[in-house]
Amino acid sequence: MKFRPLGDRVVVRRIKEDTKTAGGIIIPETAQEKPQEGEVIAVGPGLLDEKSGKRNPLEVKAGEFVLFGKWSGTEVKIDGEELLIMKESDIMGVVEGRKAKK
């Protein structure tokens, strides 16, 4: 199934953080905080400007890595994968120079 967000919404996949502390202690999953960094999977066409009737394109693009607030977005499951759908305004910024892990 494909999913296309509407308006200024963005679909983000959370990036898992390391589960070890600097001292080598493994943190159990129940004690971990949810990551606040993710990869943009899909973006909507942008908000419709009521005055001009034109769409304002979003600043973020699919494939970029972003930081967002701890409680931002709505968690959804699409094709068995947990994703977040949030408004572009919930994104604090783009992480420059980050490469996708394979």
N, C-alpha and C. Protein backbone atom coordinates (compact mmCIF):
# COMPACT_ATOMS: atom_id res chain seq x y z
N MET A 1 0.84 -1.18 0.00
CA MET A 1 0.00 0.00 0.00
C MET A 1 0.89 1.25 0.00
N LYS A 2 0.53 2.21 -0.79
CA LYS A 2 1.24 3.49 -0.81
C LYS A 2 0.40 4.49 -0.04
N PHE A 3 1.09 5.46 0.57
CA PHE A 3 0.42 6.48 1.35
C PHE A 3 0.93 7.83 0.92
N ARG A 4 0.01 8.75 0.61
CA ARG A 4 0.38 10.10 0.20
C ARG A 4 -0.24 11.08 1.19
N PRO A 5 0.61 11.79 1.96
CA PRO A 5 0.07 12.75 2.92
C PRO A 5 -0.54 13.96 2.21
N LEU A 6 -1.49 14.58 2.87
CA LEU A 6 -2.17 15.74 2.30
C LEU A 6 -1.67 17.03 2.94
N GLY A 7 -1.84 18.14 2.24
CA GLY A 7 -1.50 19.46 2.77
C GLY A 7 -0.05 19.58 3.19
N ASP A 8 0.16 20.07 4.42
CA ASP A 8 1.53 20.27 4.90
C ASP A 8 1.97 19.14 5.83
N ARG A 9 1.42 17.95 5.61
CA ARG A 9 1.78 16.81 6.46
C ARG A 9 3.00 16.07 5.89
N VAL A 10 3.74 15.45 6.81
CA VAL A 10 4.98 14.75 6.47
C VAL A 10 4.94 13.38 7.15
N VAL A 11 5.39 12.34 6.44
CA VAL A 11 5.49 11.00 7.02
C VAL A 11 6.96 10.77 7.38
N VAL A 12 7.21 10.39 8.65
CA VAL A 12 8.57 10.23 9.16
C VAL A 12 8.73 8.84 9.77
N ARG A 13 9.88 8.22 9.49
CA ARG A 13 10.26 6.95 10.14
C ARG A 13 11.28 7.28 11.21
N ARG A 14 10.98 6.91 12.46
CA ARG A 14 11.93 7.16 13.55
C ARG A 14 13.22 6.39 13.31
N ILE A 15 14.33 7.00 13.71
CA ILE A 15 15.64 6.34 13.62
C ILE A 15 15.97 5.80 14.99
N LYS A 16 16.25 4.52 15.04
CA LYS A 16 16.57 3.88 16.31
C LYS A 16 17.93 4.36 16.80
N GLU A 17 18.00 4.69 18.10
CA GLU A 17 19.25 5.11 18.70
C GLU A 17 19.97 3.90 19.28
N ASP A 18 21.25 4.10 19.62
CA ASP A 18 22.01 3.02 20.24
C ASP A 18 21.35 2.61 21.55
N THR A 19 21.37 1.31 21.82
CA THR A 19 20.76 0.81 23.05
C THR A 19 21.79 0.57 24.14
N LYS A 20 23.01 1.08 23.95
CA LYS A 20 24.06 0.95 24.95
C LYS A 20 24.47 2.32 25.44
N THR A 21 24.84 2.39 26.71
CA THR A 21 25.38 3.64 27.25
C THR A 21 26.86 3.71 26.91
N ALA A 22 27.48 4.82 27.22
CA ALA A 22 28.92 4.97 26.96
C ALA A 22 29.72 3.94 27.74
N GLY A 23 29.21 3.50 28.89
CA GLY A 23 29.91 2.50 29.70
C GLY A 23 29.65 1.07 29.25
N GLY A 24 28.82 0.88 28.22
CA GLY A 24 28.57 -0.45 27.68
C GLY A 24 27.35 -1.14 28.27
N ILE A 25 26.58 -0.44 29.08
CA ILE A 25 25.38 -1.03 29.67
C ILE A 25 24.26 -0.99 28.65
N ILE A 26 23.61 -2.13 28.44
CA ILE A 26 22.51 -2.22 27.50
C ILE A 26 21.24 -1.72 28.18
N ILE A 27 20.56 -0.77 27.56
CA ILE A 27 19.34 -0.19 28.11
C ILE A 27 18.15 -1.01 27.62
N PRO A 28 17.31 -1.52 28.54
CA PRO A 28 16.14 -2.28 28.09
C PRO A 28 15.18 -1.39 27.32
N GLU A 29 14.44 -2.00 26.39
CA GLU A 29 13.56 -1.24 25.52
C GLU A 29 12.49 -0.46 26.30
N THR A 30 12.05 -0.99 27.42
CA THR A 30 11.01 -0.33 28.20
C THR A 30 11.51 0.95 28.85
N ALA A 31 12.82 1.08 29.06
CA ALA A 31 13.39 2.26 29.71
C ALA A 31 13.88 3.30 28.71
N GLN A 32 13.86 2.95 27.44
CA GLN A 32 14.37 3.88 26.43
C GLN A 32 13.32 4.92 26.08
N GLU A 33 13.79 6.13 25.79
CA GLU A 33 12.91 7.16 25.28
C GLU A 33 12.80 6.99 23.77
N LYS A 34 11.68 7.40 23.22
CA LYS A 34 11.52 7.31 21.77
C LYS A 34 12.42 8.33 21.11
N PRO A 35 13.06 7.95 20.01
CA PRO A 35 13.96 8.88 19.32
C PRO A 35 13.22 10.10 18.80
N GLN A 36 13.92 11.21 18.75
CA GLN A 36 13.36 12.45 18.24
C GLN A 36 13.99 12.80 16.90
N GLU A 37 14.56 11.82 16.27
CA GLU A 37 15.17 12.01 14.95
C GLU A 37 14.57 10.98 14.01
N GLY A 38 14.36 11.39 12.76
CA GLY A 38 13.78 10.46 11.81
C GLY A 38 14.10 10.82 10.38
N GLU A 39 13.72 9.91 9.50
CA GLU A 39 13.91 10.09 8.06
C GLU A 39 12.56 10.39 7.43
N VAL A 40 12.52 11.42 6.61
CA VAL A 40 11.28 11.78 5.93
C VAL A 40 11.02 10.76 4.82
N ILE A 41 9.85 10.15 4.86
CA ILE A 41 9.48 9.13 3.88
C ILE A 41 8.66 9.73 2.74
N ALA A 42 7.71 10.62 3.10
CA ALA A 42 6.85 11.24 2.09
C ALA A 42 6.40 12.61 2.60
N VAL A 43 6.14 13.51 1.66
CA VAL A 43 5.66 14.85 2.02
C VAL A 43 4.41 15.18 1.20
N GLY A 44 3.55 15.99 1.78
CA GLY A 44 2.35 16.43 1.08
C GLY A 44 2.69 17.53 0.08
N PRO A 45 1.69 17.96 -0.68
CA PRO A 45 1.93 18.98 -1.71
C PRO A 45 2.13 20.39 -1.16
N GLY A 46 1.79 20.62 0.09
CA GLY A 46 1.95 21.95 0.69
C GLY A 46 0.60 22.56 1.03
N LEU A 47 0.66 23.61 1.83
CA LEU A 47 -0.57 24.31 2.22
C LEU A 47 -1.11 25.15 1.08
N LEU A 48 -2.43 25.22 1.01
CA LEU A 48 -3.09 26.04 0.01
C LEU A 48 -3.25 27.45 0.57
N ASP A 49 -2.71 28.43 -0.14
CA ASP A 49 -2.83 29.83 0.28
C ASP A 49 -4.24 30.30 -0.08
N GLU A 50 -5.00 30.70 0.94
CA GLU A 50 -6.39 31.07 0.72
C GLU A 50 -6.54 32.33 -0.15
N LYS A 51 -5.60 33.25 -0.06
CA LYS A 51 -5.70 34.50 -0.83
C LYS A 51 -5.40 34.29 -2.31
N SER A 52 -4.29 33.62 -2.59
CA SER A 52 -3.87 33.47 -3.99
C SER A 52 -4.37 32.18 -4.63
N GLY A 53 -4.72 31.20 -3.81
CA GLY A 53 -5.17 29.92 -4.35
C GLY A 53 -4.03 29.01 -4.78
N LYS A 54 -2.79 29.42 -4.50
CA LYS A 54 -1.62 28.61 -4.88
C LYS A 54 -1.13 27.81 -3.70
N ARG A 55 -0.42 26.73 -4.00
CA ARG A 55 0.16 25.88 -2.96
C ARG A 55 1.55 26.40 -2.59
N ASN A 56 1.84 26.44 -1.29
CA ASN A 56 3.17 26.77 -0.81
C ASN A 56 3.90 25.45 -0.56
N PRO A 57 4.92 25.13 -1.37
CA PRO A 57 5.60 23.84 -1.22
C PRO A 57 6.31 23.74 0.13
N LEU A 58 6.48 22.50 0.61
CA LEU A 58 7.15 22.26 1.88
C LEU A 58 8.66 22.41 1.73
N GLU A 59 9.32 22.74 2.85
CA GLU A 59 10.77 22.91 2.84
C GLU A 59 11.50 21.58 2.92
N VAL A 60 10.91 20.58 3.58
CA VAL A 60 11.58 19.29 3.72
C VAL A 60 11.24 18.41 2.52
N LYS A 61 12.15 17.48 2.24
CA LYS A 61 11.99 16.57 1.11
C LYS A 61 12.16 15.13 1.59
N ALA A 62 11.59 14.20 0.86
CA ALA A 62 11.75 12.78 1.18
C ALA A 62 13.24 12.43 1.15
N GLY A 63 13.67 11.65 2.13
CA GLY A 63 15.07 11.24 2.21
C GLY A 63 15.89 12.07 3.18
N GLU A 64 15.39 13.23 3.60
CA GLU A 64 16.12 14.08 4.54
C GLU A 64 15.91 13.56 5.97
N PHE A 65 16.88 13.85 6.82
CA PHE A 65 16.79 13.47 8.23
C PHE A 65 16.43 14.71 9.03
N VAL A 66 15.47 14.57 9.94
CA VAL A 66 14.94 15.72 10.66
C VAL A 66 14.89 15.45 12.16
N LEU A 67 14.83 16.55 12.93
CA LEU A 67 14.60 16.50 14.37
C LEU A 67 13.20 17.04 14.62
N PHE A 68 12.50 16.39 15.56
CA PHE A 68 11.14 16.82 15.88
C PHE A 68 10.91 16.71 17.37
N GLY A 69 9.85 17.31 17.85
CA GLY A 69 9.52 17.32 19.27
C GLY A 69 9.18 15.93 19.79
N LYS A 70 9.38 15.75 21.09
CA LYS A 70 9.16 14.46 21.73
C LYS A 70 7.74 13.95 21.54
N TRP A 71 6.76 14.82 21.58
CA TRP A 71 5.36 14.40 21.48
C TRP A 71 4.74 14.78 20.13
N SER A 72 5.55 15.05 19.14
CA SER A 72 5.05 15.47 17.83
C SER A 72 4.45 14.31 17.05
N GLY A 73 3.48 14.62 16.25
CA GLY A 73 2.93 13.68 15.30
C GLY A 73 1.98 12.65 15.87
N THR A 74 1.43 11.87 14.96
CA THR A 74 0.51 10.79 15.28
C THR A 74 1.14 9.50 14.80
N GLU A 75 1.23 8.51 15.69
CA GLU A 75 1.82 7.22 15.31
C GLU A 75 0.79 6.40 14.54
N VAL A 76 1.22 5.85 13.41
CA VAL A 76 0.37 4.99 12.59
C VAL A 76 1.18 3.78 12.16
N LYS A 77 0.48 2.73 11.77
CA LYS A 77 1.14 1.53 11.26
C LYS A 77 0.71 1.35 9.81
N ILE A 78 1.67 1.41 8.90
CA ILE A 78 1.39 1.23 7.47
C ILE A 78 2.25 0.07 6.98
N ASP A 79 1.61 -0.94 6.43
CA ASP A 79 2.30 -2.15 5.96
C ASP A 79 3.17 -2.75 7.06
N GLY A 80 2.69 -2.73 8.31
CA GLY A 80 3.43 -3.32 9.42
C GLY A 80 4.57 -2.48 9.95
N GLU A 81 4.78 -1.31 9.40
CA GLU A 81 5.87 -0.44 9.83
C GLU A 81 5.29 0.74 10.62
N GLU A 82 5.91 1.02 11.79
CA GLU A 82 5.44 2.15 12.60
C GLU A 82 6.03 3.44 12.07
N LEU A 83 5.15 4.38 11.73
CA LEU A 83 5.55 5.66 11.17
C LEU A 83 4.86 6.79 11.93
N LEU A 84 5.33 8.00 11.73
CA LEU A 84 4.73 9.19 12.31
C LEU A 84 4.20 10.07 11.19
N ILE A 85 3.01 10.63 11.40
CA ILE A 85 2.49 11.63 10.48
C ILE A 85 2.40 12.93 11.28
N MET A 86 3.06 13.96 10.79
CA MET A 86 3.07 15.23 11.52
C MET A 86 3.01 16.39 10.53
N LYS A 87 2.67 17.55 11.05
CA LYS A 87 2.70 18.76 10.23
C LYS A 87 4.15 19.22 10.11
N GLU A 88 4.46 19.90 9.03
CA GLU A 88 5.82 20.39 8.82
C GLU A 88 6.24 21.32 9.96
N SER A 89 5.31 22.03 10.54
CA SER A 89 5.64 22.96 11.63
C SER A 89 6.11 22.23 12.90
N ASP A 90 5.84 20.91 13.02
CA ASP A 90 6.32 20.13 14.16
C ASP A 90 7.79 19.76 14.02
N ILE A 91 8.34 19.92 12.83
CA ILE A 91 9.74 19.60 12.58
C ILE A 91 10.59 20.80 12.97
N MET A 92 11.62 20.53 13.81
CA MET A 92 12.47 21.62 14.30
C MET A 92 13.58 21.97 13.32
N GLY A 93 14.04 20.99 12.55
CA GLY A 93 15.11 21.28 11.60
C GLY A 93 15.59 20.04 10.87
N VAL A 94 16.40 20.26 9.86
CA VAL A 94 16.97 19.19 9.04
C VAL A 94 18.39 18.92 9.50
N VAL A 95 18.75 17.64 9.64
CA VAL A 95 20.11 17.26 10.02
C VAL A 95 20.92 17.15 8.74
N GLU A 96 21.88 18.03 8.57
CA GLU A 96 22.69 18.07 7.35
C GLU A 96 23.81 17.02 7.41
N GLY A 97 24.10 16.39 6.29
CA GLY A 97 25.25 15.50 6.18
C GLY A 97 25.07 14.11 6.74
N ARG A 98 23.88 13.73 7.14
CA ARG A 98 23.64 12.40 7.69
C ARG A 98 23.34 11.45 6.55
N LYS A 99 23.95 10.28 6.60
CA LYS A 99 23.73 9.25 5.57
C LYS A 99 22.82 8.16 6.12
N ALA A 100 22.02 7.59 5.27
CA ALA A 100 21.12 6.50 5.67
C ALA A 100 21.94 5.25 5.96
N LYS A 101 21.59 4.55 7.06
CA LYS A 101 22.26 3.30 7.39
C LYS A 101 21.64 2.19 6.57
N LYS A 102 22.49 1.29 6.09
CA LYS A 102 21.99 0.20 5.24
C LYS A 102 21.89 -1.08 6.02
